[in-house]
All heavy atoms as atom14 arrays in JSON, in Angstrom:
{
  "sequence": "RHMLVYLVIAHNTLARPAAVLDLRGAQYDDEHRRID",
  "atom14_mask": [
    [1, 1, 1, 1, 1, 1, 1, 1, 1, 1, 1, 0, 0, 0],
    [1, 1, 1, 1, 1, 1, 1, 1, 1, 1, 0, 0, 0, 0],
    [1, 1, 1, 1, 1, 1, 1, 1, 0, 0, 0, 0, 0, 0],
    [1, 1, 1, 1, 1, 1, 1, 1, 0, 0, 0, 0, 0, 0],
    [1, 1, 1, 1, 1, 1, 1, 0, 0, 0, 0, 0, 0, 0],
    [1, 1, 1, 1, 1, 1, 1, 1, 1, 1, 1, 1, 0, 0],
    [1, 1, 1, 1, 1, 1, 1, 1, 0, 0, 0, 0, 0, 0],
    [1, 1, 1, 1, 1, 1, 1, 0, 0, 0, 0, 0, 0, 0],
    [1, 1, 1, 1, 1, 1, 1, 1, 0, 0, 0, 0, 0, 0],
    [1, 1, 1, 1, 1, 0, 0, 0, 0, 0, 0, 0, 0, 0],
    [1, 1, 1, 1, 1, 1, 1, 1, 1, 1, 0, 0, 0, 0],
    [1, 1, 1, 1, 1, 1, 1, 1, 0, 0, 0, 0, 0, 0],
    [1, 1, 1, 1, 1, 1, 1, 0, 0, 0, 0, 0, 0, 0],
    [1, 1, 1, 1, 1, 1, 1, 1, 0, 0, 0, 0, 0, 0],
    [1, 1, 1, 1, 1, 0, 0, 0, 0, 0, 0, 0, 0, 0],
    [1, 1, 1, 1, 1, 1, 1, 1, 1, 1, 1, 0, 0, 0],
    [1, 1, 1, 1, 1, 1, 1, 0, 0, 0, 0, 0, 0, 0],
    [1, 1, 1, 1, 1, 0, 0, 0, 0, 0, 0, 0, 0, 0],
    [1, 1, 1, 1, 1, 0, 0, 0, 0, 0, 0, 0, 0, 0],
    [1, 1, 1, 1, 1, 1, 1, 0, 0, 0, 0, 0, 0, 0],
    [1, 1, 1, 1, 1, 1, 1, 1, 0, 0, 0, 0, 0, 0],
    [1, 1, 1, 1, 1, 1, 1, 1, 0, 0, 0, 0, 0, 0],
    [1, 1, 1, 1, 1, 1, 1, 1, 0, 0, 0, 0, 0, 0],
    [1, 1, 1, 1, 1, 1, 1, 1, 1, 1, 1, 0, 0, 0],
    [1, 1, 1, 1, 0, 0, 0, 0, 0, 0, 0, 0, 0, 0],
    [1, 1, 1, 1, 1, 0, 0, 0, 0, 0, 0, 0, 0, 0],
    [1, 1, 1, 1, 1, 1, 1, 1, 1, 0, 0, 0, 0, 0],
    [1, 1, 1, 1, 1, 1, 1, 1, 1, 1, 1, 1, 0, 0],
    [1, 1, 1, 1, 1, 1, 1, 1, 0, 0, 0, 0, 0, 0],
    [1, 1, 1, 1, 1, 1, 1, 1, 0, 0, 0, 0, 0, 0],
    [1, 1, 1, 1, 1, 1, 1, 1, 1, 0, 0, 0, 0, 0],
    [1, 1, 1, 1, 1, 1, 1, 1, 1, 1, 0, 0, 0, 0],
    [1, 1, 1, 1, 1, 1, 1, 1, 1, 1, 1, 0, 0, 0],
    [1, 1, 1, 1, 1, 1, 1, 1, 1, 1, 1, 0, 0, 0],
    [1, 1, 1, 1, 1, 1, 1, 1, 0, 0, 0, 0, 0, 0],
    [1, 1, 1, 1, 1, 1, 1, 1, 0, 0, 0, 0, 0, 0]
  ],
  "atom14_positions": [
    [[3.99, -50.17, 41.06], [4.58, -48.94, 41.48], [4.27, -48.56, 42.9], [5.07, -48.08, 43.68], [4.08, -47.8, 40.51], [4.63, -46.44, 40.99], [3.98, -45.32, 40.24], [4.42, -44.07, 40.82], [3.75, -43.38, 41.71], [2.65, -43.82, 42.2], [4.26, -42.28, 42.15], [0.0, 0.0, 0.0], [0.0, 0.0, 0.0], [0.0, 0.0, 0.0]],
    [[3.01, -48.76, 43.32], [2.62, -48.3, 44.66], [3.33, -49.11, 45.72], [3.63, -48.59, 46.77], [1.1, -48.34, 44.82], [0.46, -49.72, 45.0], [0.09, -50.55, 43.95], [0.19, -50.41, 46.08], [-0.4, -51.68, 44.43], [-0.38, -51.6, 45.71], [0.0, 0.0, 0.0], [0.0, 0.0, 0.0], [0.0, 0.0, 0.0], [0.0, 0.0, 0.0]],
    [[3.67, -50.39, 45.46], [4.41, -51.18, 46.46], [5.84, -50.72, 46.48], [6.44, -50.63, 47.56], [4.35, -52.63, 46.15], [3.07, -53.33, 46.62], [2.79, -53.15, 48.44], [4.25, -53.9, 49.1], [0.0, 0.0, 0.0], [0.0, 0.0, 0.0], [0.0, 0.0, 0.0], [0.0, 0.0, 0.0], [0.0, 0.0, 0.0], [0.0, 0.0, 0.0]],
    [[6.37, -50.35, 45.39], [7.79, -49.85, 45.27], [7.89, -48.52, 46.1], [8.79, -48.35, 46.9], [8.21, -49.64, 43.87], [9.65, -49.21, 43.66], [10.6, -50.31, 44.08], [9.88, -48.86, 42.14], [0.0, 0.0, 0.0], [0.0, 0.0, 0.0], [0.0, 0.0, 0.0], [0.0, 0.0, 0.0], [0.0, 0.0, 0.0], [0.0, 0.0, 0.0]],
    [[6.95, -47.61, 45.88], [6.92, -46.36, 46.59], [6.75, -46.6, 48.11], [7.45, -45.98, 48.92], [5.81, -45.42, 46.07], [5.77, -44.16, 46.91], [6.06, -45.1, 44.62], [0.0, 0.0, 0.0], [0.0, 0.0, 0.0], [0.0, 0.0, 0.0], [0.0, 0.0, 0.0], [0.0, 0.0, 0.0], [0.0, 0.0, 0.0], [0.0, 0.0, 0.0]],
    [[5.85, -47.52, 48.46], [5.67, -47.84, 49.88], [6.95, -48.31, 50.53], [7.29, -47.82, 51.65], [4.57, -48.97, 49.98], [4.38, -49.41, 51.41], [3.41, -48.79, 52.24], [5.15, -50.38, 52.0], [3.21, -49.17, 53.57], [5.0, -50.75, 53.29], [4.03, -50.18, 54.08], [3.94, -50.54, 55.4], [0.0, 0.0, 0.0], [0.0, 0.0, 0.0]],
    [[7.66, -49.18, 49.89], [8.91, -49.72, 50.4], [9.93, -48.6, 50.67], [10.63, -48.56, 51.62], [9.49, -50.8, 49.52], [8.62, -52.13, 49.43], [9.2, -53.05, 48.38], [8.62, -52.78, 50.8], [0.0, 0.0, 0.0], [0.0, 0.0, 0.0], [0.0, 0.0, 0.0], [0.0, 0.0, 0.0], [0.0, 0.0, 0.0], [0.0, 0.0, 0.0]],
    [[10.08, -47.71, 49.65], [11.11, -46.68, 49.73], [10.78, -45.78, 50.93], [11.67, -45.41, 51.77], [11.13, -45.82, 48.48], [12.01, -44.6, 48.65], [11.62, -46.64, 47.33], [0.0, 0.0, 0.0], [0.0, 0.0, 0.0], [0.0, 0.0, 0.0], [0.0, 0.0, 0.0], [0.0, 0.0, 0.0], [0.0, 0.0, 0.0], [0.0, 0.0, 0.0]],
    [[9.46, -45.39, 51.1], [9.05, -44.54, 52.19], [9.29, -45.21, 53.57], [9.8, -44.7, 54.52], [7.64, -43.97, 52.04], [7.56, -43.14, 50.8], [7.15, -43.27, 53.25], [6.11, -42.72, 50.45], [0.0, 0.0, 0.0], [0.0, 0.0, 0.0], [0.0, 0.0, 0.0], [0.0, 0.0, 0.0], [0.0, 0.0, 0.0], [0.0, 0.0, 0.0]],
    [[8.8, -46.47, 53.61], [8.85, -47.23, 54.9], [10.29, -47.42, 55.35], [10.57, -47.28, 56.58], [8.19, -48.54, 54.74], [0.0, 0.0, 0.0], [0.0, 0.0, 0.0], [0.0, 0.0, 0.0], [0.0, 0.0, 0.0], [0.0, 0.0, 0.0], [0.0, 0.0, 0.0], [0.0, 0.0, 0.0], [0.0, 0.0, 0.0], [0.0, 0.0, 0.0]],
    [[11.21, -47.72, 54.45], [12.58, -47.92, 54.88], [13.28, -46.65, 55.3], [14.15, -46.69, 56.12], [13.34, -48.56, 53.7], [13.13, -50.05, 53.55], [12.11, -50.6, 52.84], [13.84, -51.14, 54.02], [12.17, -51.89, 52.86], [13.24, -52.27, 53.61], [0.0, 0.0, 0.0], [0.0, 0.0, 0.0], [0.0, 0.0, 0.0], [0.0, 0.0, 0.0]],
    [[12.84, -45.55, 54.77], [13.55, -44.28, 55.05], [12.91, -43.43, 56.17], [13.47, -42.43, 56.54], [13.63, -43.41, 53.79], [14.71, -43.95, 52.82], [15.87, -43.56, 52.94], [14.38, -44.88, 51.95], [0.0, 0.0, 0.0], [0.0, 0.0, 0.0], [0.0, 0.0, 0.0], [0.0, 0.0, 0.0], [0.0, 0.0, 0.0], [0.0, 0.0, 0.0]],
    [[11.74, -43.86, 56.66], [11.05, -43.13, 57.72], [10.77, -43.98, 58.94], [10.51, -43.49, 60.01], [9.72, -42.57, 57.21], [8.84, -43.69, 56.91], [9.9, -41.62, 56.05], [0.0, 0.0, 0.0], [0.0, 0.0, 0.0], [0.0, 0.0, 0.0], [0.0, 0.0, 0.0], [0.0, 0.0, 0.0], [0.0, 0.0, 0.0], [0.0, 0.0, 0.0]],
    [[10.82, -45.34, 58.78], [10.45, -46.28, 59.88], [9.03, -46.06, 60.33], [8.68, -46.46, 61.44], [11.41, -46.17, 61.09], [12.76, -46.77, 61.04], [13.69, -45.99, 60.03], [13.45, -46.83, 62.38], [0.0, 0.0, 0.0], [0.0, 0.0, 0.0], [0.0, 0.0, 0.0], [0.0, 0.0, 0.0], [0.0, 0.0, 0.0], [0.0, 0.0, 0.0]],
    [[8.21, -45.47, 59.43], [6.85, -45.17, 59.83], [5.95, -46.39, 59.91], [6.22, -47.39, 59.26], [6.2, -44.17, 58.85], [0.0, 0.0, 0.0], [0.0, 0.0, 0.0], [0.0, 0.0, 0.0], [0.0, 0.0, 0.0], [0.0, 0.0, 0.0], [0.0, 0.0, 0.0], [0.0, 0.0, 0.0], [0.0, 0.0, 0.0], [0.0, 0.0, 0.0]],
    [[4.93, -46.31, 60.72], [3.96, -47.42, 60.73], [3.21, -47.46, 59.41], [3.07, -46.48, 58.7], [2.94, -47.21, 61.85], [3.6, -47.17, 63.26], [2.54, -46.91, 64.3], [3.13, -46.87, 65.72], [3.63, -45.8, 66.26], [3.56, -44.62, 65.62], [4.16, -45.79, 67.47], [0.0, 0.0, 0.0], [0.0, 0.0, 0.0], [0.0, 0.0, 0.0]],
    [[2.72, -48.68, 59.02], [2.03, -48.75, 57.71], [0.94, -47.75, 57.44], [0.89, -47.21, 56.35], [1.51, -50.2, 57.77], [2.43, -50.96, 58.68], [2.79, -49.98, 59.75], [0.0, 0.0, 0.0], [0.0, 0.0, 0.0], [0.0, 0.0, 0.0], [0.0, 0.0, 0.0], [0.0, 0.0, 0.0], [0.0, 0.0, 0.0], [0.0, 0.0, 0.0]],
    [[0.2, -47.48, 58.46], [-0.92, -46.53, 58.25], [-0.4, -45.13, 57.9], [-1.02, -44.4, 57.12], [-1.82, -46.48, 59.47], [0.0, 0.0, 0.0], [0.0, 0.0, 0.0], [0.0, 0.0, 0.0], [0.0, 0.0, 0.0], [0.0, 0.0, 0.0], [0.0, 0.0, 0.0], [0.0, 0.0, 0.0], [0.0, 0.0, 0.0], [0.0, 0.0, 0.0]],
    [[0.69, -44.73, 58.58], [1.29, -43.44, 58.33], [1.85, -43.37, 56.93], [1.74, -42.29, 56.29], [2.37, -43.18, 59.35], [0.0, 0.0, 0.0], [0.0, 0.0, 0.0], [0.0, 0.0, 0.0], [0.0, 0.0, 0.0], [0.0, 0.0, 0.0], [0.0, 0.0, 0.0], [0.0, 0.0, 0.0], [0.0, 0.0, 0.0], [0.0, 0.0, 0.0]],
    [[2.39, -44.39, 56.44], [2.91, -44.43, 55.07], [1.8, -44.28, 54.06], [1.88, -43.49, 53.1], [3.77, -45.68, 54.75], [4.18, -45.7, 53.3], [4.92, -45.83, 55.74], [0.0, 0.0, 0.0], [0.0, 0.0, 0.0], [0.0, 0.0, 0.0], [0.0, 0.0, 0.0], [0.0, 0.0, 0.0], [0.0, 0.0, 0.0], [0.0, 0.0, 0.0]],
    [[0.69, -44.96, 54.27], [-0.44, -44.95, 53.36], [-1.14, -43.55, 53.38], [-1.71, -43.14, 52.4], [-1.43, -46.02, 53.69], [-0.92, -47.46, 53.54], [-2.03, -48.45, 53.9], [-0.43, -47.75, 52.11], [0.0, 0.0, 0.0], [0.0, 0.0, 0.0], [0.0, 0.0, 0.0], [0.0, 0.0, 0.0], [0.0, 0.0, 0.0], [0.0, 0.0, 0.0]],
    [[-1.1, -42.87, 54.54], [-1.74, -41.54, 54.62], [-0.9, -40.44, 54.02], [-1.41, -39.33, 53.82], [-1.96, -41.22, 56.11], [-3.15, -41.99, 56.68], [-3.92, -42.51, 55.88], [-3.28, -42.02, 57.95], [0.0, 0.0, 0.0], [0.0, 0.0, 0.0], [0.0, 0.0, 0.0], [0.0, 0.0, 0.0], [0.0, 0.0, 0.0], [0.0, 0.0, 0.0]],
    [[0.37, -40.65, 53.77], [1.3, -39.63, 53.35], [0.91, -38.97, 52.05], [0.68, -39.66, 51.07], [2.72, -40.18, 53.28], [3.85, -39.19, 53.34], [3.88, -38.43, 54.64], [5.18, -39.91, 53.18], [0.0, 0.0, 0.0], [0.0, 0.0, 0.0], [0.0, 0.0, 0.0], [0.0, 0.0, 0.0], [0.0, 0.0, 0.0], [0.0, 0.0, 0.0]],
    [[0.93, -37.62, 52.05], [0.57, -36.87, 50.79], [1.52, -35.71, 50.64], [2.32, -35.39, 51.53], [-0.92, -36.42, 50.9], [-1.16, -35.53, 52.03], [-2.64, -35.46, 52.33], [-3.03, -36.7, 53.11], [-4.31, -36.98, 53.39], [-5.27, -36.18, 53.02], [-4.51, -38.04, 54.09], [0.0, 0.0, 0.0], [0.0, 0.0, 0.0], [0.0, 0.0, 0.0]],
    [[1.43, -35.11, 49.5], [2.41, -34.04, 49.12], [2.47, -32.91, 50.13], [3.55, -32.32, 50.29], [0.0, 0.0, 0.0], [0.0, 0.0, 0.0], [0.0, 0.0, 0.0], [0.0, 0.0, 0.0], [0.0, 0.0, 0.0], [0.0, 0.0, 0.0], [0.0, 0.0, 0.0], [0.0, 0.0, 0.0], [0.0, 0.0, 0.0], [0.0, 0.0, 0.0]],
    [[1.35, -32.5, 50.68], [1.36, -31.4, 51.58], [2.18, -31.59, 52.86], [2.5, -30.62, 53.53], [-0.14, -31.05, 52.01], [0.0, 0.0, 0.0], [0.0, 0.0, 0.0], [0.0, 0.0, 0.0], [0.0, 0.0, 0.0], [0.0, 0.0, 0.0], [0.0, 0.0, 0.0], [0.0, 0.0, 0.0], [0.0, 0.0, 0.0], [0.0, 0.0, 0.0]],
    [[2.49, -32.83, 53.15], [3.22, -33.08, 54.38], [4.74, -32.97, 54.19], [5.5, -33.12, 55.13], [2.88, -34.52, 54.89], [1.45, -34.66, 55.29], [1.02, -36.09, 55.57], [0.24, -36.66, 54.88], [1.65, -36.7, 56.59], [0.0, 0.0, 0.0], [0.0, 0.0, 0.0], [0.0, 0.0, 0.0], [0.0, 0.0, 0.0], [0.0, 0.0, 0.0]],
    [[5.2, -32.77, 52.97], [6.6, -32.66, 52.72], [7.01, -31.2, 52.58], [6.5, -30.44, 51.71], [7.0, -33.45, 51.44], [8.44, -33.29, 51.04], [9.48, -33.54, 51.96], [8.78, -32.88, 49.75], [10.81, -33.34, 51.56], [10.1, -32.75, 49.37], [11.12, -32.92, 50.3], [12.42, -32.78, 49.93], [0.0, 0.0, 0.0], [0.0, 0.0, 0.0]],
    [[8.03, -30.79, 53.31], [8.66, -29.46, 53.23], [10.0, -29.58, 52.57], [10.95, -29.93, 53.2], [8.71, -28.89, 54.63], [9.38, -27.46, 54.7], [9.77, -26.97, 53.6], [9.4, -26.83, 55.75], [0.0, 0.0, 0.0], [0.0, 0.0, 0.0], [0.0, 0.0, 0.0], [0.0, 0.0, 0.0], [0.0, 0.0, 0.0], [0.0, 0.0, 0.0]],
    [[10.05, -29.3, 51.26], [11.29, -29.47, 50.51], [12.33, -28.43, 50.9], [13.56, -28.75, 50.89], [11.01, -29.4, 49.02], [12.21, -29.81, 48.16], [12.75, -30.93, 48.48], [12.6, -29.07, 47.25], [0.0, 0.0, 0.0], [0.0, 0.0, 0.0], [0.0, 0.0, 0.0], [0.0, 0.0, 0.0], [0.0, 0.0, 0.0], [0.0, 0.0, 0.0]],
    [[11.89, -27.27, 51.26], [12.89, -26.22, 51.62], [13.7, -26.61, 52.83], [14.94, -26.41, 52.87], [12.15, -24.9, 51.91], [13.07, -23.79, 52.36], [12.37, -22.45, 52.68], [11.13, -22.45, 52.52], [13.01, -21.48, 53.09], [0.0, 0.0, 0.0], [0.0, 0.0, 0.0], [0.0, 0.0, 0.0], [0.0, 0.0, 0.0], [0.0, 0.0, 0.0]],
    [[13.12, -27.18, 53.87], [13.78, -27.56, 55.04], [14.11, -29.09, 55.05], [14.7, -29.55, 56.01], [12.96, -27.24, 56.28], [12.66, -25.76, 56.46], [11.48, -25.16, 56.01], [13.48, -24.79, 56.99], [11.59, -23.92, 56.33], [12.71, -23.63, 56.9], [0.0, 0.0, 0.0], [0.0, 0.0, 0.0], [0.0, 0.0, 0.0], [0.0, 0.0, 0.0]],
    [[13.69, -29.8, 54.03], [13.89, -31.23, 53.94], [13.36, -31.95, 55.19], [14.0, -32.77, 55.82], [15.4, -31.56, 53.75], [15.96, -30.98, 52.49], [17.27, -31.49, 52.12], [17.84, -30.81, 50.96], [18.96, -31.2, 50.32], [19.66, -32.2, 50.75], [19.35, -30.53, 49.31], [0.0, 0.0, 0.0], [0.0, 0.0, 0.0], [0.0, 0.0, 0.0]],
    [[12.11, -31.61, 55.49], [11.42, -32.29, 56.62], [10.12, -32.84, 56.14], [9.46, -32.28, 55.24], [11.15, -31.26, 57.73], [12.4, -30.67, 58.41], [13.17, -31.67, 59.19], [14.34, -31.13, 59.89], [15.58, -31.07, 59.35], [15.82, -31.64, 58.22], [16.57, -30.57, 60.03], [0.0, 0.0, 0.0], [0.0, 0.0, 0.0], [0.0, 0.0, 0.0]],
    [[9.67, -33.91, 56.76], [8.39, -34.5, 56.38], [7.6, -34.73, 57.72], [8.1, -35.29, 58.68], [8.54, -35.83, 55.66], [7.19, -36.36, 55.25], [9.3, -36.85, 56.45], [7.31, -37.48, 54.19], [0.0, 0.0, 0.0], [0.0, 0.0, 0.0], [0.0, 0.0, 0.0], [0.0, 0.0, 0.0], [0.0, 0.0, 0.0], [0.0, 0.0, 0.0]],
    [[6.35, -34.21, 57.78], [5.5, -34.39, 58.88], [4.63, -35.59, 58.62], [3.71, -35.56, 57.74], [4.61, -33.12, 59.02], [3.79, -33.12, 60.29], [3.75, -34.19, 60.95], [3.23, -32.07, 60.58], [0.0, 0.0, 0.0], [0.0, 0.0, 0.0], [0.0, 0.0, 0.0], [0.0, 0.0, 0.0], [0.0, 0.0, 0.0], [0.0, 0.0, 0.0]]
  ]
}
């Protein structure tokens, strides 16, 4: 599961690997559909 989630995030954000691994719920703003 963790590799599947990694792949989905990486393909849709173009983020560096470290940024994908650091990503947590607090960084997502669902109201504005933005992710920091």
